[in-house]
Amino acid sequence: MSKRAKQNVLLSVAGAIFLFAGLRDLLRPGWLTLNNRVVSKTEIALAMALGLFFLGVAGFRTINSKEPDAQ
């Protein structure tokens, strides 16, 4: 696996984690967290926007990759 492919995988994982955190706070507040305060809608939107950004960057880098497919 090339360095670029590893970076794309890590960007995708980071995006999925941020999306999961945003959905978790939106649908089940207080679940799987050590923080007892109420999460604002702005923080949820920011987490989901970051998740979509990371997934978008990983997708864009994957689509525009100039490396030949290793077989």
PDB file of N, CA and C in Angstrom:
ATOM      1  N   MET A   1       0.852  -1.168   0.000  1.00  0.00           N
ATOM      2  CA  MET A   1       0.000   0.000   0.000  1.00  0.00           C
ATOM      3  C   MET A   1       0.903   1.237   0.000  1.00  0.00           C
ATOM      4  N   SER A   2       0.627   2.156  -0.890  1.00  0.00           N
ATOM      5  CA  SER A   2       1.450   3.353  -1.003  1.00  0.00           C
ATOM      6  C   SER A   2       1.132   4.342   0.125  1.00  0.00           C
ATOM      7  N   LYS A   3       2.012   5.299   0.254  1.00  0.00           N
ATOM      8  CA  LYS A   3       1.843   6.321   1.290  1.00  0.00           C
ATOM      9  C   LYS A   3       0.548   7.111   1.066  1.00  0.00           C
ATOM     10  N   ARG A   4       0.263   7.417  -0.192  1.00  0.00           N
ATOM     11  CA  ARG A   4      -0.948   8.166  -0.526  1.00  0.00           C
ATOM     12  C   ARG A   4      -2.204   7.359  -0.186  1.00  0.00           C
ATOM     13  N   ALA A   5      -2.172   6.062  -0.444  1.00  0.00           N
ATOM     14  CA  ALA A   5      -3.320   5.216  -0.133  1.00  0.00           C
ATOM     15  C   ALA A   5      -3.551   5.145   1.378  1.00  0.00           C
ATOM     16  N   LYS A   6      -2.476   5.052   2.148  1.00  0.00           N
ATOM     17  CA  LYS A   6      -2.607   5.051   3.610  1.00  0.00           C
ATOM     18  C   LYS A   6      -3.203   6.364   4.102  1.00  0.00           C
ATOM     19  N   GLN A   7      -2.768   7.472   3.507  1.00  0.00           N
ATOM     20  CA  GLN A   7      -3.314   8.771   3.893  1.00  0.00           C
ATOM     21  C   GLN A   7      -4.804   8.846   3.570  1.00  0.00           C
ATOM     22  N   ASN A   8      -5.207   8.313   2.427  1.00  0.00           N
ATOM     23  CA  ASN A   8      -6.621   8.321   2.057  1.00  0.00           C
ATOM     24  C   ASN A   8      -7.453   7.477   3.014  1.00  0.00           C
ATOM     25  N   VAL A   9      -6.916   6.341   3.415  1.00  0.00           N
ATOM     26  CA  VAL A   9      -7.627   5.488   4.368  1.00  0.00           C
ATOM     27  C   VAL A   9      -7.780   6.207   5.709  1.00  0.00           C
ATOM     28  N   LEU A  10      -6.712   6.844   6.168  1.00  0.00           N
ATOM     29  CA  LEU A  10      -6.778   7.564   7.444  1.00  0.00           C
ATOM     30  C   LEU A  10      -7.728   8.756   7.376  1.00  0.00           C
ATOM     31  N   LEU A  11      -7.742   9.470   6.254  1.00  0.00           N
ATOM     32  CA  LEU A  11      -8.701  10.560   6.089  1.00  0.00           C
ATOM     33  C   LEU A  11     -10.134  10.037   6.113  1.00  0.00           C
ATOM     34  N   SER A  12     -10.361   8.900   5.487  1.00  0.00           N
ATOM     35  CA  SER A  12     -11.702   8.305   5.481  1.00  0.00           C
ATOM     36  C   SER A  12     -12.122   7.863   6.879  1.00  0.00           C
ATOM     37  N   VAL A  13     -11.200   7.278   7.617  1.00  0.00           N
ATOM     38  CA  VAL A  13     -11.501   6.849   8.992  1.00  0.00           C
ATOM     39  C   VAL A  13     -11.814   8.061   9.869  1.00  0.00           C
ATOM     40  N   ALA A  14     -11.019   9.121   9.738  1.00  0.00           N
ATOM     41  CA  ALA A  14     -11.273  10.337  10.520  1.00  0.00           C
ATOM     42  C   ALA A  14     -12.640  10.914  10.168  1.00  0.00           C
ATOM     43  N   GLY A  15     -12.977  10.936   8.886  1.00  0.00           N
ATOM     44  CA  GLY A  15     -14.285  11.435   8.474  1.00  0.00           C
ATOM     45  C   GLY A  15     -15.420  10.598   9.032  1.00  0.00           C
ATOM     46  N   ALA A  16     -15.264   9.285   8.996  1.00  0.00           N
ATOM     47  CA  ALA A  16     -16.308   8.406   9.519  1.00  0.00           C
ATOM     48  C   ALA A  16     -16.480   8.595  11.030  1.00  0.00           C
ATOM     49  N   ILE A  17     -15.381   8.792  11.735  1.00  0.00           N
ATOM     50  CA  ILE A  17     -15.462   9.001  13.185  1.00  0.00           C
ATOM     51  C   ILE A  17     -16.186  10.298  13.509  1.00  0.00           C
ATOM     52  N   PHE A  18     -15.853  11.371  12.776  1.00  0.00           N
ATOM     53  CA  PHE A  18     -16.544  12.644  13.015  1.00  0.00           C
ATOM     54  C   PHE A  18     -18.026  12.544  12.677  1.00  0.00           C
ATOM     55  N   LEU A  19     -18.366  11.875  11.585  1.00  0.00           N
ATOM     56  CA  LEU A  19     -19.783  11.697  11.248  1.00  0.00           C
ATOM     57  C   LEU A  19     -20.501  10.868  12.303  1.00  0.00           C
ATOM     58  N   PHE A  20     -19.857   9.798  12.779  1.00  0.00           N
ATOM     59  CA  PHE A  20     -20.452   8.978  13.827  1.00  0.00           C
ATOM     60  C   PHE A  20     -20.685   9.804  15.096  1.00  0.00           C
ATOM     61  N   ALA A  21     -19.702  10.639  15.455  1.00  0.00           N
ATOM     62  CA  ALA A  21     -19.844  11.468  16.658  1.00  0.00           C
ATOM     63  C   ALA A  21     -20.991  12.461  16.498  1.00  0.00           C
ATOM     64  N   GLY A  22     -21.116  13.062  15.328  1.00  0.00           N
ATOM     65  CA  GLY A  22     -22.215  14.001  15.105  1.00  0.00           C
ATOM     66  C   GLY A  22     -23.567  13.319  15.153  1.00  0.00           C
ATOM     67  N   LEU A  23     -23.677  12.171  14.502  1.00  0.00           N
ATOM     68  CA  LEU A  23     -24.942  11.438  14.533  1.00  0.00           C
ATOM     69  C   LEU A  23     -25.257  10.923  15.931  1.00  0.00           C
ATOM     70  N   ARG A  24     -24.215  10.481  16.649  1.00  0.00           N
ATOM     71  CA  ARG A  24     -24.420  10.013  18.021  1.00  0.00           C
ATOM     72  C   ARG A  24     -24.990  11.130  18.893  1.00  0.00           C
ATOM     73  N   ASP A  25     -24.402  12.332  18.804  1.00  0.00           N
ATOM     74  CA  ASP A  25     -24.872  13.451  19.615  1.00  0.00           C
ATOM     75  C   ASP A  25     -26.246  13.929  19.182  1.00  0.00           C
ATOM     76  N   LEU A  26     -26.561  13.761  17.910  1.00  0.00           N
ATOM     77  CA  LEU A  26     -27.859  14.183  17.409  1.00  0.00           C
ATOM     78  C   LEU A  26     -28.965  13.200  17.806  1.00  0.00           C
ATOM     79  N   LEU A  27     -28.692  11.907  17.666  1.00  0.00           N
ATOM     80  CA  LEU A  27     -29.723  10.897  17.883  1.00  0.00           C
ATOM     81  C   LEU A  27     -29.782  10.360  19.310  1.00  0.00           C
ATOM     82  N   ARG A  28     -28.607  10.206  19.948  1.00  0.00           N
ATOM     83  CA  ARG A  28     -28.561   9.649  21.310  1.00  0.00           C
ATOM     84  C   ARG A  28     -27.601  10.455  22.168  1.00  0.00           C
ATOM     85  N   PRO A  29     -27.983  11.653  22.579  1.00  0.00           N
ATOM     86  CA  PRO A  29     -27.075  12.487  23.369  1.00  0.00           C
ATOM     87  C   PRO A  29     -26.688  11.807  24.683  1.00  0.00           C
ATOM     88  N   GLY A  30     -25.403  11.881  25.006  1.00  0.00           N
ATOM     89  CA  GLY A  30     -24.912  11.303  26.247  1.00  0.00           C
ATOM     90  C   GLY A  30     -24.485   9.857  26.137  1.00  0.00           C
ATOM     91  N   TRP A  31     -24.686   9.233  24.984  1.00  0.00           N
ATOM     92  CA  TRP A  31     -24.340   7.822  24.789  1.00  0.00           C
ATOM     93  C   TRP A  31     -22.888   7.718  24.324  1.00  0.00           C
ATOM     94  N   LEU A  32     -22.125   6.826  24.916  1.00  0.00           N
ATOM     95  CA  LEU A  32     -20.712   6.605  24.589  1.00  0.00           C
ATOM     96  C   LEU A  32     -19.862   7.864  24.737  1.00  0.00           C
ATOM     97  N   THR A  33     -20.083   8.604  25.794  1.00  0.00           N
ATOM     98  CA  THR A  33     -19.282   9.797  26.046  1.00  0.00           C
ATOM     99  C   THR A  33     -19.041   9.939  27.540  1.00  0.00           C
ATOM    100  N   LEU A  34     -17.926  10.532  27.880  1.00  0.00           N
ATOM    101  CA  LEU A  34     -17.618  10.808  29.283  1.00  0.00           C
ATOM    102  C   LEU A  34     -18.011  12.228  29.668  1.00  0.00           C
ATOM    103  N   ASN A  35     -18.397  13.035  28.691  1.00  0.00           N
ATOM    104  CA  ASN A  35     -18.775  14.417  28.912  1.00  0.00           C
ATOM    105  C   ASN A  35     -20.267  14.483  29.215  1.00  0.00           C
ATOM    106  N   ASN A  36     -20.637  15.077  30.338  1.00  0.00           N
ATOM    107  CA  ASN A  36     -22.040  15.110  30.752  1.00  0.00           C
ATOM    108  C   ASN A  36     -22.792  16.354  30.315  1.00  0.00           C
ATOM    109  N   ARG A  37     -22.109  17.300  29.682  1.00  0.00           N
ATOM    110  CA  ARG A  37     -22.806  18.518  29.292  1.00  0.00           C
ATOM    111  C   ARG A  37     -23.604  18.295  28.013  1.00  0.00           C
ATOM    112  N   VAL A  38     -24.572  19.159  27.779  1.00  0.00           N
ATOM    113  CA  VAL A  38     -25.415  19.069  26.594  1.00  0.00           C
ATOM    114  C   VAL A  38     -24.637  19.637  25.408  1.00  0.00           C
ATOM    115  N   VAL A  39     -24.617  18.911  24.321  1.00  0.00           N
ATOM    116  CA  VAL A  39     -23.899  19.334  23.119  1.00  0.00           C
ATOM    117  C   VAL A  39     -24.820  20.220  22.291  1.00  0.00           C
ATOM    118  N   SER A  40     -24.306  21.370  21.861  1.00  0.00           N
ATOM    119  CA  SER A  40     -25.127  22.289  21.088  1.00  0.00           C
ATOM    120  C   SER A  40     -25.256  21.825  19.640  1.00  0.00           C
ATOM    121  N   LYS A  41     -26.266  22.341  18.969  1.00  0.00           N
ATOM    122  CA  LYS A  41     -26.485  22.002  17.560  1.00  0.00           C
ATOM    123  C   LYS A  41     -25.320  22.487  16.697  1.00  0.00           C
ATOM    124  N   THR A  42     -24.675  23.580  17.098  1.00  0.00           N
ATOM    125  CA  THR A  42     -23.523  24.097  16.354  1.00  0.00           C
ATOM    126  C   THR A  42     -22.361  23.114  16.412  1.00  0.00           C
ATOM    127  N   GLU A  43     -22.114  22.536  17.583  1.00  0.00           N
ATOM    128  CA  GLU A  43     -21.035  21.557  17.720  1.00  0.00           C
ATOM    129  C   GLU A  43     -21.328  20.289  16.926  1.00  0.00           C
ATOM    130  N   ILE A  44     -22.585  19.887  16.893  1.00  0.00           N
ATOM    131  CA  ILE A  44     -22.971  18.720  16.106  1.00  0.00           C
ATOM    132  C   ILE A  44     -22.760  19.011  14.620  1.00  0.00           C
ATOM    133  N   ALA A  45     -23.198  20.189  14.180  1.00  0.00           N
ATOM    134  CA  ALA A  45     -23.028  20.563  12.773  1.00  0.00           C
ATOM    135  C   ALA A  45     -21.556  20.666  12.411  1.00  0.00           C
ATOM    136  N   LEU A  46     -20.737  21.185  13.305  1.00  0.00           N
ATOM    137  CA  LEU A  46     -19.307  21.294  13.042  1.00  0.00           C
ATOM    138  C   LEU A  46     -18.666  19.914  12.916  1.00  0.00           C
ATOM    139  N   ALA A  47     -19.020  18.994  13.795  1.00  0.00           N
ATOM    140  CA  ALA A  47     -18.477  17.635  13.729  1.00  0.00           C
ATOM    141  C   ALA A  47     -18.872  16.956  12.425  1.00  0.00           C
ATOM    142  N   MET A  48     -20.120  17.113  12.035  1.00  0.00           N
ATOM    143  CA  MET A  48     -20.568  16.484  10.795  1.00  0.00           C
ATOM    144  C   MET A  48     -19.932  17.148   9.574  1.00  0.00           C
ATOM    145  N   ALA A  49     -19.749  18.469   9.615  1.00  0.00           N
ATOM    146  CA  ALA A  49     -19.093  19.165   8.502  1.00  0.00           C
ATOM    147  C   ALA A  49     -17.639  18.724   8.375  1.00  0.00           C
ATOM    148  N   LEU A  50     -16.954  18.563   9.493  1.00  0.00           N
ATOM    149  CA  LEU A  50     -15.575  18.072   9.451  1.00  0.00           C
ATOM    150  C   LEU A  50     -15.515  16.653   8.892  1.00  0.00           C
ATOM    151  N   GLY A  51     -16.452  15.822   9.292  1.00  0.00           N
ATOM    152  CA  GLY A  51     -16.505  14.462   8.769  1.00  0.00           C
ATOM    153  C   GLY A  51     -16.710  14.438   7.269  1.00  0.00           C
ATOM    154  N   LEU A  52     -17.649  15.254   6.786  1.00  0.00           N
ATOM    155  CA  LEU A  52     -17.878  15.321   5.345  1.00  0.00           C
ATOM    156  C   LEU A  52     -16.674  15.899   4.616  1.00  0.00           C
ATOM    157  N   PHE A  53     -15.998  16.866   5.234  1.00  0.00           N
ATOM    158  CA  PHE A  53     -14.802  17.448   4.631  1.00  0.00           C
ATOM    159  C   PHE A  53     -13.708  16.395   4.474  1.00  0.00           C
ATOM    160  N   PHE A  54     -13.439  15.642   5.536  1.00  0.00           N
ATOM    161  CA  PHE A  54     -12.399  14.616   5.470  1.00  0.00           C
ATOM    162  C   PHE A  54     -12.744  13.538   4.442  1.00  0.00           C
ATOM    163  N   LEU A  55     -14.002  13.115   4.417  1.00  0.00           N
ATOM    164  CA  LEU A  55     -14.407  12.125   3.424  1.00  0.00           C
ATOM    165  C   LEU A  55     -14.307  12.691   2.010  1.00  0.00           C
ATOM    166  N   GLY A  56     -14.656  13.949   1.848  1.00  0.00           N
ATOM    167  CA  GLY A  56     -14.548  14.590   0.540  1.00  0.00           C
ATOM    168  C   GLY A  56     -13.112  14.702   0.069  1.00  0.00           C
ATOM    169  N   VAL A  57     -12.212  15.071   0.969  1.00  0.00           N
ATOM    170  CA  VAL A  57     -10.795  15.159   0.612  1.00  0.00           C
ATOM    171  C   VAL A  57     -10.258  13.791   0.224  1.00  0.00           C
ATOM    172  N   ALA A  58     -10.603  12.778   0.991  1.00  0.00           N
ATOM    173  CA  ALA A  58     -10.143  11.420   0.670  1.00  0.00           C
ATOM    174  C   ALA A  58     -10.704  10.965  -0.673  1.00  0.00           C
ATOM    175  N   GLY A  59     -11.960  11.231  -0.927  1.00  0.00           N
ATOM    176  CA  GLY A  59     -12.558  10.859  -2.201  1.00  0.00           C
ATOM    177  C   GLY A  59     -11.939  11.604  -3.364  1.00  0.00           C
ATOM    178  N   PHE A  60     -11.717  12.890  -3.200  1.00  0.00           N
ATOM    179  CA  PHE A  60     -11.097  13.688  -4.252  1.00  0.00           C
ATOM    180  C   PHE A  60      -9.687  13.210  -4.547  1.00  0.00           C
ATOM    181  N   ARG A  61      -8.932  12.904  -3.482  1.00  0.00           N
ATOM    182  CA  ARG A  61      -7.566  12.408  -3.678  1.00  0.00           C
ATOM    183  C   ARG A  61      -7.569  11.041  -4.361  1.00  0.00           C
ATOM    184  N   THR A  62      -8.556  10.214  -4.054  1.00  0.00           N
ATOM    185  CA  THR A  62      -8.640   8.892  -4.667  1.00  0.00           C
ATOM    186  C   THR A  62      -9.007   9.000  -6.146  1.00  0.00           C
ATOM    187  N   ILE A  63      -9.975   9.843  -6.457  1.00  0.00           N
ATOM    188  CA  ILE A  63     -10.414  10.004  -7.842  1.00  0.00           C
ATOM    189  C   ILE A  63      -9.304  10.605  -8.702  1.00  0.00           C
ATOM    190  N   ASN A  64      -8.577  11.579  -8.165  1.00  0.00           N
ATOM    191  CA  ASN A  64      -7.556  12.269  -8.942  1.00  0.00           C
ATOM    192  C   ASN A  64      -6.163  11.661  -8.790  1.00  0.00           C
ATOM    193  N   SER A  65      -6.089  10.447  -8.316  1.00  0.00           N
ATOM    194  CA  SER A  65      -4.795   9.792  -8.159  1.00  0.00           C
ATOM    195  C   SER A  65      -4.216   9.465  -9.526  1.00  0.00           C
ATOM    196  N   LYS A  66      -2.961   9.785  -9.717  1.00  0.00           N
ATOM    197  CA  LYS A  66      -2.288   9.513 -10.974  1.00  0.00           C
ATOM    198  C   LYS A  66      -1.440   8.242 -10.919  1.00  0.00           C
ATOM    199  N   GLU A  67      -1.486   7.543  -9.786  1.00  0.00           N
ATOM    200  CA  GLU A  67      -0.720   6.318  -9.656  1.00  0.00           C
ATOM    201  C   GLU A  67      -1.429   5.183 -10.376  1.00  0.00           C
ATOM    202  N   PRO A  68      -0.687   4.327 -11.072  1.00  0.00           N
ATOM    203  CA  PRO A  68      -1.328   3.163 -11.717  1.00  0.00           C
ATOM    204  C   PRO A  68      -1.779   2.173 -10.644  1.00  0.00           C
ATOM    205  N   ASP A  69      -2.804   1.435 -10.970  1.00  0.00           N
ATOM    206  CA  ASP A  69      -3.295   0.412 -10.030  1.00  0.00           C
ATOM    207  C   ASP A  69      -2.264  -0.698  -9.884  1.00  0.00           C
ATOM    208  N   ALA A  70      -1.950  -1.003  -8.645  1.00  0.00           N
ATOM    209  CA  ALA A  70      -0.997  -2.096  -8.373  1.00  0.00           C
ATOM    210  C   ALA A  70      -1.755  -3.421  -8.436  1.00  0.00           C
ATOM    211  N   GLN A  71      -1.228  -4.361  -9.158  1.00  0.00           N
ATOM    212  CA  GLN A  71      -1.895  -5.654  -9.267  1.00  0.00           C
ATOM    213  C   GLN A  71      -0.946  -6.775  -8.971  1.00  0.00           C
TER     214      GLN A  71
END
